[in-house]
Amino acid sequence: MKQSSTRSSDLKRWLSQNTGFAAALLLFAILFLTYNVLHPRGFSSAVAIQNANETVAIAFVAMAQTLPVLIGGLDLSVGAVMTLTNCVASELLTGSPLQILLGAVLTLLTGTLFGFMNGCIVVYGRIQPIIATLATGAVAIGLALLIRPKPGGNVDDDLSWALTNSVWDLADTYGFADGGEAWWLRPFADIPVPFLLVVVVAVIVWVPFRRSVTGRTVYAIGSAEGAAYMSGLPIQRAKITAFTLAGFLAACGGLYLAIQTSSGNADVQQAGAYTLNSIAAVVLGGTSLLGGTGGAIASLVGAMILRVISFYFRILDIDPLLQPLIEGLVLLTAVSFGAFRTLRVKNQLDLFR
């Protein structure tokens, strides 16, 4: 009885501390289940794979945006970095397995170094993140256009097929687990590989970072940078790390986009759309634009909500001319959620605590 009471108390405490995230999870569950009920082929592996493929890029970019938002800033270059790395990957993901692996590493390194540059400019140049990344985003697009003046590229066909389908297709393509027929693989055979990739990156990158001293410092900066500084926390290191990880995660999105489309495209409009949608996904996931609360997993849920909304356009046969209007209204509503806290605050000093 006492143990049950303790669990109930812990659940209430978690809900009170993560109201936005809990609401996002509930909203996603409702939207996704309703979508699958309405879909003629809902709850099938083919639909799940298609949905996962369309979600991966925005999921990575949303997680990338989370890091700068947690310190109270915005990174307007995440979409551009994703586009740049997409173009880089379209040049390098071909040849022998070793060459493909090296190309993937170089692609991720490109985004990571770009994020590191952003962090150094913000920290040592003492420039507001939104201004610094607006400028560096333009640089990223310029480099992407130099690499890919027009869409194109050459990505290994086996890699593209294996990573954009089910676990069974992955095993069958590369010949492990008895070509996908092993008994232990069967329960997981229909799981979309894109979904697993996002989960693996989130677990390997985000979870250790969240529990590290640098990760806790990122949250402290967003909550009260002055107090974090007086406590002796590594402020500069945390800011640079936040932007560096943002660049890495954006590069993950660009790398996967190249694998999915087998090409690269220096599309300025695409870069801008991904950046804006990443901000909306962050807010929808329950992360405050004021910093200090939220996380990459929450932003992942927010990204899935945005994508599920776009899935409805297909099954409800909504006029394409109305789709940008609806997406814009959703984006405006999502970003407006970040202002609700200011309406409840009586003492404006509370906004900086």
Protein backbone atom coordinates (compact mmCIF):
# COMPACT_ATOMS: atom_id res chain seq x y z
CA MET A 1 0.00 0.00 0.00
CA LYS A 2 2.81 2.34 0.96
CA GLN A 3 4.72 1.47 -2.23
CA SER A 4 1.63 2.19 -4.35
CA SER A 5 1.19 5.55 -2.63
CA THR A 6 4.84 6.39 -3.30
CA ARG A 7 4.49 5.56 -6.99
CA SER A 8 1.36 7.69 -7.24
CA SER A 9 3.17 10.58 -5.58
CA ASP A 10 6.14 10.18 -7.94
CA LEU A 11 3.80 10.17 -10.96
CA LYS A 12 2.05 13.34 -9.79
CA ARG A 13 5.40 15.03 -9.23
CA TRP A 14 6.61 14.01 -12.72
CA LEU A 15 3.39 15.27 -14.32
CA SER A 16 3.65 18.59 -12.51
CA GLN A 17 7.26 19.02 -13.68
CA ASN A 18 6.65 17.80 -17.25
CA THR A 19 3.14 19.02 -18.04
CA GLY A 20 4.06 20.16 -21.55
CA PHE A 21 5.77 16.89 -22.44
CA ALA A 22 2.91 14.80 -21.05
CA ALA A 23 0.39 16.86 -23.03
CA ALA A 24 2.50 16.42 -26.20
CA LEU A 25 2.61 12.65 -25.71
CA LEU A 26 -1.15 12.52 -25.25
CA LEU A 27 -1.78 14.73 -28.30
CA PHE A 28 0.53 12.62 -30.46
CA ALA A 29 -1.12 9.39 -29.34
CA ILE A 30 -4.59 10.73 -30.18
CA LEU A 31 -3.55 12.16 -33.56
CA PHE A 32 -1.56 9.11 -34.62
CA LEU A 33 -4.17 6.56 -33.60
CA THR A 34 -6.92 8.56 -35.33
CA TYR A 35 -4.77 8.86 -38.46
CA ASN A 36 -4.23 5.11 -38.61
CA VAL A 37 -7.94 4.43 -38.07
CA LEU A 38 -8.83 6.77 -40.95
CA HIS A 39 -6.06 5.50 -43.25
CA PRO A 40 -7.22 2.77 -45.68
CA ARG A 41 -4.05 0.78 -44.90
CA GLY A 42 -3.52 1.95 -41.35
CA PHE A 43 -1.60 -0.07 -38.74
CA SER A 44 0.50 -1.73 -41.47
CA SER A 45 4.28 -1.98 -41.80
CA ALA A 46 4.24 -0.12 -45.13
CA VAL A 47 2.42 2.88 -43.63
CA ALA A 48 4.71 2.90 -40.59
CA ILE A 49 7.82 2.87 -42.79
CA GLN A 50 6.50 5.70 -44.95
CA ASN A 51 5.62 7.78 -41.89
CA ALA A 52 9.00 7.14 -40.28
CA ASN A 53 10.88 8.18 -43.42
CA GLU A 54 8.99 11.47 -43.58
CA THR A 55 9.65 12.18 -39.89
CA VAL A 56 13.37 11.48 -39.50
CA ALA A 57 14.81 14.73 -40.90
CA ILE A 58 12.53 17.06 -38.93
CA ALA A 59 13.07 14.90 -35.82
CA PHE A 60 16.85 15.36 -35.99
CA VAL A 61 16.56 19.08 -36.73
CA ALA A 62 14.09 19.53 -33.85
CA MET A 63 16.49 17.78 -31.46
CA ALA A 64 19.27 20.02 -32.81
CA GLN A 65 17.22 23.14 -32.11
CA THR A 66 16.56 21.99 -28.54
CA LEU A 67 20.14 22.53 -27.35
CA PRO A 68 20.35 26.28 -28.15
CA VAL A 69 16.79 26.80 -26.89
CA LEU A 70 17.70 25.24 -23.53
CA ILE A 71 20.29 27.98 -22.97
CA GLY A 72 17.73 30.63 -23.92
CA GLY A 73 18.72 31.14 -27.56
CA LEU A 74 17.65 30.12 -31.05
CA ASP A 75 19.74 28.53 -33.79
CA LEU A 76 18.53 29.79 -37.16
CA SER A 77 21.20 27.80 -38.98
CA VAL A 78 19.99 24.24 -38.22
CA GLY A 79 18.03 23.97 -41.47
CA ALA A 80 20.94 25.38 -43.45
CA VAL A 81 23.44 23.01 -41.78
CA MET A 82 21.12 20.11 -42.58
CA THR A 83 21.01 21.27 -46.22
CA LEU A 84 24.80 21.67 -46.38
CA THR A 85 25.44 18.20 -44.97
CA ASN A 86 22.80 16.76 -47.29
CA CYS A 87 24.81 18.11 -50.23
CA VAL A 88 28.11 16.85 -48.76
CA ALA A 89 26.63 13.37 -48.22
CA SER A 90 25.33 13.25 -51.79
CA GLU A 91 28.95 13.49 -52.96
CA LEU A 92 30.52 11.03 -50.51
CA LEU A 93 28.09 8.15 -49.88
CA THR A 94 29.26 5.92 -52.71
CA GLY A 95 32.01 3.41 -53.43
CA SER A 96 33.28 0.64 -51.16
CA PRO A 97 31.83 0.07 -47.67
CA LEU A 98 34.90 1.76 -46.16
CA GLN A 99 34.51 4.76 -48.46
CA ILE A 100 30.81 5.03 -47.57
CA LEU A 101 31.62 4.88 -43.85
CA LEU A 102 34.29 7.55 -44.27
CA GLY A 103 31.82 9.70 -46.24
CA ALA A 104 29.24 9.42 -43.45
CA VAL A 105 31.85 10.36 -40.84
CA LEU A 106 32.98 13.38 -42.87
CA THR A 107 29.36 14.46 -43.33
CA LEU A 108 28.71 14.34 -39.57
CA LEU A 109 32.04 16.05 -38.92
CA THR A 110 31.05 18.89 -41.27
CA GLY A 111 27.90 19.62 -39.28
CA THR A 112 29.69 19.22 -35.94
CA LEU A 113 32.43 21.68 -36.90
CA PHE A 114 29.83 24.13 -38.15
CA GLY A 115 28.03 23.89 -34.81
CA PHE A 116 31.34 24.35 -32.98
CA MET A 117 31.95 27.50 -35.04
CA ASN A 118 28.51 28.79 -34.05
CA GLY A 119 29.29 28.19 -30.39
CA CYS A 120 32.65 29.97 -30.60
CA ILE A 121 31.09 32.97 -32.32
CA VAL A 122 28.36 33.22 -29.68
CA VAL A 123 30.72 32.75 -26.72
CA TYR A 124 33.87 34.58 -27.75
CA GLY A 125 32.25 37.06 -30.13
CA ARG A 126 29.54 37.80 -27.54
CA ILE A 127 26.90 37.92 -30.24
CA GLN A 128 23.30 36.95 -29.66
CA PRO A 129 22.69 33.39 -30.96
CA ILE A 130 19.79 34.42 -33.19
CA ILE A 131 21.99 36.99 -34.99
CA ALA A 132 25.10 34.84 -35.17
CA THR A 133 23.28 31.81 -36.57
CA LEU A 134 21.31 33.92 -39.04
CA ALA A 135 24.65 34.92 -40.55
CA THR A 136 26.28 31.48 -40.38
CA GLY A 137 23.14 29.91 -41.86
CA ALA A 138 23.63 32.07 -44.94
CA VAL A 139 27.24 30.87 -45.11
CA ALA A 140 26.07 27.24 -44.92
CA ILE A 141 23.61 27.76 -47.77
CA GLY A 142 26.33 29.43 -49.83
CA LEU A 143 28.64 26.43 -49.32
CA ALA A 144 25.80 24.05 -50.18
CA LEU A 145 25.23 25.90 -53.45
CA LEU A 146 28.94 25.62 -54.28
CA ILE A 147 28.78 21.86 -53.76
CA ARG A 148 25.41 21.37 -55.47
CA PRO A 149 24.55 24.20 -57.89
CA LYS A 150 21.65 21.98 -58.97
CA PRO A 151 20.06 18.89 -57.39
CA GLY A 152 21.86 15.60 -57.92
CA GLY A 153 24.27 13.14 -56.42
CA ASN A 154 25.05 9.48 -56.15
CA VAL A 155 24.23 7.51 -52.99
CA ASP A 156 24.85 3.77 -52.67
CA ASP A 157 21.63 1.95 -53.64
CA ASP A 158 21.96 -0.82 -51.04
CA LEU A 159 22.51 1.71 -48.27
CA SER A 160 19.52 3.76 -49.40
CA TRP A 161 17.25 0.72 -49.54
CA ALA A 162 18.39 -0.84 -46.27
CA LEU A 163 18.10 2.28 -44.11
CA THR A 164 14.74 3.45 -45.44
CA ASN A 165 12.79 0.22 -44.98
CA SER A 166 12.18 -2.39 -42.29
CA VAL A 167 14.65 -4.28 -40.11
CA TRP A 168 14.02 -7.35 -42.26
CA ASP A 169 15.06 -5.42 -45.39
CA LEU A 170 18.23 -4.27 -43.62
CA ALA A 171 19.13 -7.85 -42.65
CA ASP A 172 18.26 -9.17 -46.10
CA THR A 173 20.33 -6.52 -47.90
CA TYR A 174 23.49 -7.07 -45.87
CA GLY A 175 23.01 -10.79 -45.25
CA PHE A 176 23.07 -10.99 -41.46
CA ALA A 177 20.67 -12.89 -39.17
CA ASP A 178 20.36 -15.58 -41.87
CA GLY A 179 19.18 -12.99 -44.38
CA GLY A 180 16.50 -11.77 -41.99
CA GLU A 181 15.07 -15.26 -41.33
CA ALA A 182 16.64 -15.80 -37.88
CA TRP A 183 14.03 -16.62 -35.23
CA TRP A 184 15.25 -13.92 -32.86
CA LEU A 185 14.83 -11.22 -35.54
CA ARG A 186 11.24 -12.05 -36.45
CA PRO A 187 9.59 -10.06 -33.60
CA PHE A 188 11.45 -6.95 -34.81
CA ALA A 189 11.35 -7.59 -38.56
CA ASP A 190 8.61 -5.05 -39.36
CA ILE A 191 10.04 -2.19 -37.28
CA PRO A 192 11.06 0.76 -39.52
CA VAL A 193 14.83 1.27 -39.56
CA PRO A 194 14.43 5.11 -39.70
CA PHE A 195 12.63 5.00 -36.34
CA LEU A 196 15.41 2.89 -34.82
CA LEU A 197 18.06 5.30 -36.10
CA VAL A 198 16.42 8.26 -34.36
CA VAL A 199 16.01 6.30 -31.12
CA VAL A 200 19.62 5.06 -31.17
CA VAL A 201 21.03 8.57 -31.75
CA ALA A 202 18.79 10.01 -29.01
CA VAL A 203 19.88 7.33 -26.53
CA ILE A 204 23.59 7.43 -27.39
CA VAL A 205 23.94 11.22 -27.69
CA TRP A 206 21.20 12.90 -25.66
CA VAL A 207 20.88 10.68 -22.57
CA PRO A 208 24.59 10.78 -21.57
CA PHE A 209 24.74 14.51 -22.32
CA ARG A 210 21.64 15.20 -20.22
CA ARG A 211 23.21 13.49 -17.21
CA SER A 212 26.66 15.05 -17.58
CA VAL A 213 27.93 18.15 -15.78
CA THR A 214 27.91 20.02 -19.08
CA GLY A 215 24.31 18.98 -19.73
CA ARG A 216 23.16 20.10 -16.29
CA THR A 217 25.01 23.36 -16.86
CA VAL A 218 23.03 23.93 -20.08
CA TYR A 219 19.82 23.70 -18.06
CA ALA A 220 21.26 25.96 -15.38
CA ILE A 221 22.16 28.61 -17.98
CA GLY A 222 18.62 28.62 -19.32
CA SER A 223 17.15 28.85 -15.82
CA ALA A 224 19.45 31.54 -14.42
CA GLU A 225 22.77 32.20 -16.13
CA GLY A 226 23.94 34.59 -13.42
CA ALA A 227 23.37 32.02 -10.70
CA ALA A 228 25.10 29.34 -12.80
CA TYR A 229 28.12 31.61 -13.24
CA MET A 230 28.30 32.39 -9.51
CA SER A 231 28.13 28.65 -8.80
CA GLY A 232 31.30 28.10 -10.81
CA LEU A 233 29.69 26.05 -13.56
CA PRO A 234 31.50 25.84 -16.93
CA ILE A 235 29.29 28.35 -18.77
CA GLN A 236 31.41 28.81 -21.89
CA ARG A 237 32.06 25.11 -22.33
CA ALA A 238 28.37 24.32 -21.98
CA LYS A 239 27.33 26.89 -24.59
CA ILE A 240 29.92 25.71 -27.11
CA THR A 241 28.93 22.08 -26.49
CA ALA A 242 25.24 22.92 -26.98
CA PHE A 243 25.83 24.45 -30.39
CA THR A 244 28.32 21.72 -31.37
CA LEU A 245 25.78 18.99 -30.60
CA ALA A 246 23.16 21.00 -32.47
CA GLY A 247 25.40 20.93 -35.53
CA PHE A 248 25.94 17.18 -35.14
CA LEU A 249 22.22 16.43 -34.89
CA ALA A 250 21.42 18.68 -37.85
CA ALA A 251 24.08 16.77 -39.80
CA CYS A 252 22.33 13.51 -38.86
CA GLY A 253 19.22 14.93 -40.51
CA GLY A 254 21.15 15.95 -43.62
CA LEU A 255 22.88 12.58 -43.84
CA TYR A 256 19.61 10.70 -43.63
CA LEU A 257 17.93 13.02 -46.14
CA ALA A 258 20.66 12.15 -48.65
CA ILE A 259 20.22 8.43 -47.96
CA GLN A 260 16.45 8.72 -48.32
CA THR A 261 16.41 10.74 -51.55
CA SER A 262 19.72 9.46 -53.01
CA SER A 263 20.58 13.06 -53.85
CA GLY A 264 21.51 16.46 -52.49
CA ASN A 265 19.70 19.74 -53.00
CA ALA A 266 20.81 23.21 -51.87
CA ASP A 267 17.21 24.35 -51.42
CA VAL A 268 16.98 27.67 -49.55
CA GLN A 269 13.23 27.36 -48.99
CA GLN A 270 13.67 23.85 -47.61
CA ALA A 271 16.30 25.07 -45.15
CA GLY A 272 14.05 27.87 -43.93
CA ALA A 273 11.04 25.57 -43.57
CA TYR A 274 12.99 23.04 -41.52
CA THR A 275 14.33 25.76 -39.24
CA LEU A 276 10.88 27.21 -38.55
CA ASN A 277 9.33 23.79 -38.07
CA SER A 278 12.12 22.83 -35.68
CA ILE A 279 11.16 25.75 -33.45
CA ALA A 280 7.51 24.74 -33.57
CA ALA A 281 8.42 21.12 -32.74
CA VAL A 282 10.51 22.23 -29.77
CA VAL A 283 7.63 24.26 -28.35
CA LEU A 284 5.04 21.57 -29.09
CA GLY A 285 7.19 19.12 -27.15
CA GLY A 286 6.97 21.26 -24.04
CA THR A 287 10.37 22.97 -24.13
CA SER A 288 10.21 26.60 -23.08
CA LEU A 289 11.65 29.20 -25.46
CA LEU A 290 12.87 31.00 -22.34
CA GLY A 291 15.25 28.09 -21.71
CA GLY A 292 15.95 25.79 -18.79
CA THR A 293 13.14 23.26 -19.26
CA GLY A 294 12.43 20.51 -21.76
CA GLY A 295 14.66 18.17 -23.72
CA ALA A 296 15.47 16.53 -27.04
CA ILE A 297 13.11 13.60 -26.47
CA ALA A 298 10.26 16.06 -25.96
CA SER A 299 11.20 17.82 -29.19
CA LEU A 300 11.19 14.46 -30.97
CA VAL A 301 7.57 14.03 -29.90
CA GLY A 302 6.82 17.57 -31.06
CA ALA A 303 8.31 16.78 -34.48
CA MET A 304 6.14 13.68 -34.76
CA ILE A 305 3.05 15.75 -33.98
CA LEU A 306 3.90 18.17 -36.80
CA ARG A 307 4.40 15.32 -39.24
CA VAL A 308 1.19 13.55 -38.26
CA ILE A 309 -0.72 16.77 -38.94
CA SER A 310 0.76 16.83 -42.46
CA PHE A 311 -0.21 13.15 -42.91
CA TYR A 312 -3.84 14.15 -42.51
CA PHE A 313 -3.56 16.27 -45.65
CA ARG A 314 -3.29 13.11 -47.73
CA ILE A 315 -6.08 11.04 -46.25
CA LEU A 316 -8.51 13.97 -45.92
CA ASP A 317 -7.70 15.20 -49.45
CA ILE A 318 -7.13 18.79 -48.37
CA ASP A 319 -6.55 21.27 -51.20
CA PRO A 320 -2.76 21.77 -51.66
CA LEU A 321 -3.35 25.52 -51.80
CA LEU A 322 -4.73 25.40 -48.26
CA GLN A 323 -1.97 23.22 -46.80
CA PRO A 324 0.60 26.02 -46.32
CA LEU A 325 -2.11 28.10 -44.62
CA ILE A 326 -2.94 25.29 -42.20
CA GLU A 327 0.73 24.55 -41.51
CA GLY A 328 1.32 28.25 -40.88
CA LEU A 329 -1.55 28.42 -38.41
CA VAL A 330 -0.24 25.34 -36.60
CA LEU A 331 3.24 26.86 -36.48
CA LEU A 332 1.89 30.17 -35.16
CA THR A 333 -0.19 28.42 -32.52
CA ALA A 334 2.74 26.24 -31.45
CA VAL A 335 5.16 29.12 -31.07
CA SER A 336 2.49 31.13 -29.22
CA PHE A 337 2.48 28.48 -26.51
CA GLY A 338 5.86 29.78 -25.44
CA ALA A 339 4.28 33.13 -24.51
CA PHE A 340 1.68 31.66 -22.14
CA ARG A 341 4.07 31.70 -19.23
CA THR A 342 4.58 35.46 -19.56
CA LEU A 343 0.83 36.02 -19.31
CA ARG A 344 0.72 34.24 -15.92
CA VAL A 345 3.71 36.04 -14.41
CA LYS A 346 2.89 38.94 -12.11
CA ASN A 347 6.47 39.89 -11.30
CA GLN A 348 8.49 40.29 -14.51
CA LEU A 349 11.69 39.41 -12.63
CA ASP A 350 10.35 35.85 -12.42
CA LEU A 351 10.95 35.49 -16.16
CA PHE A 352 14.71 35.63 -15.54
CA ARG A 353 14.84 33.22 -12.60
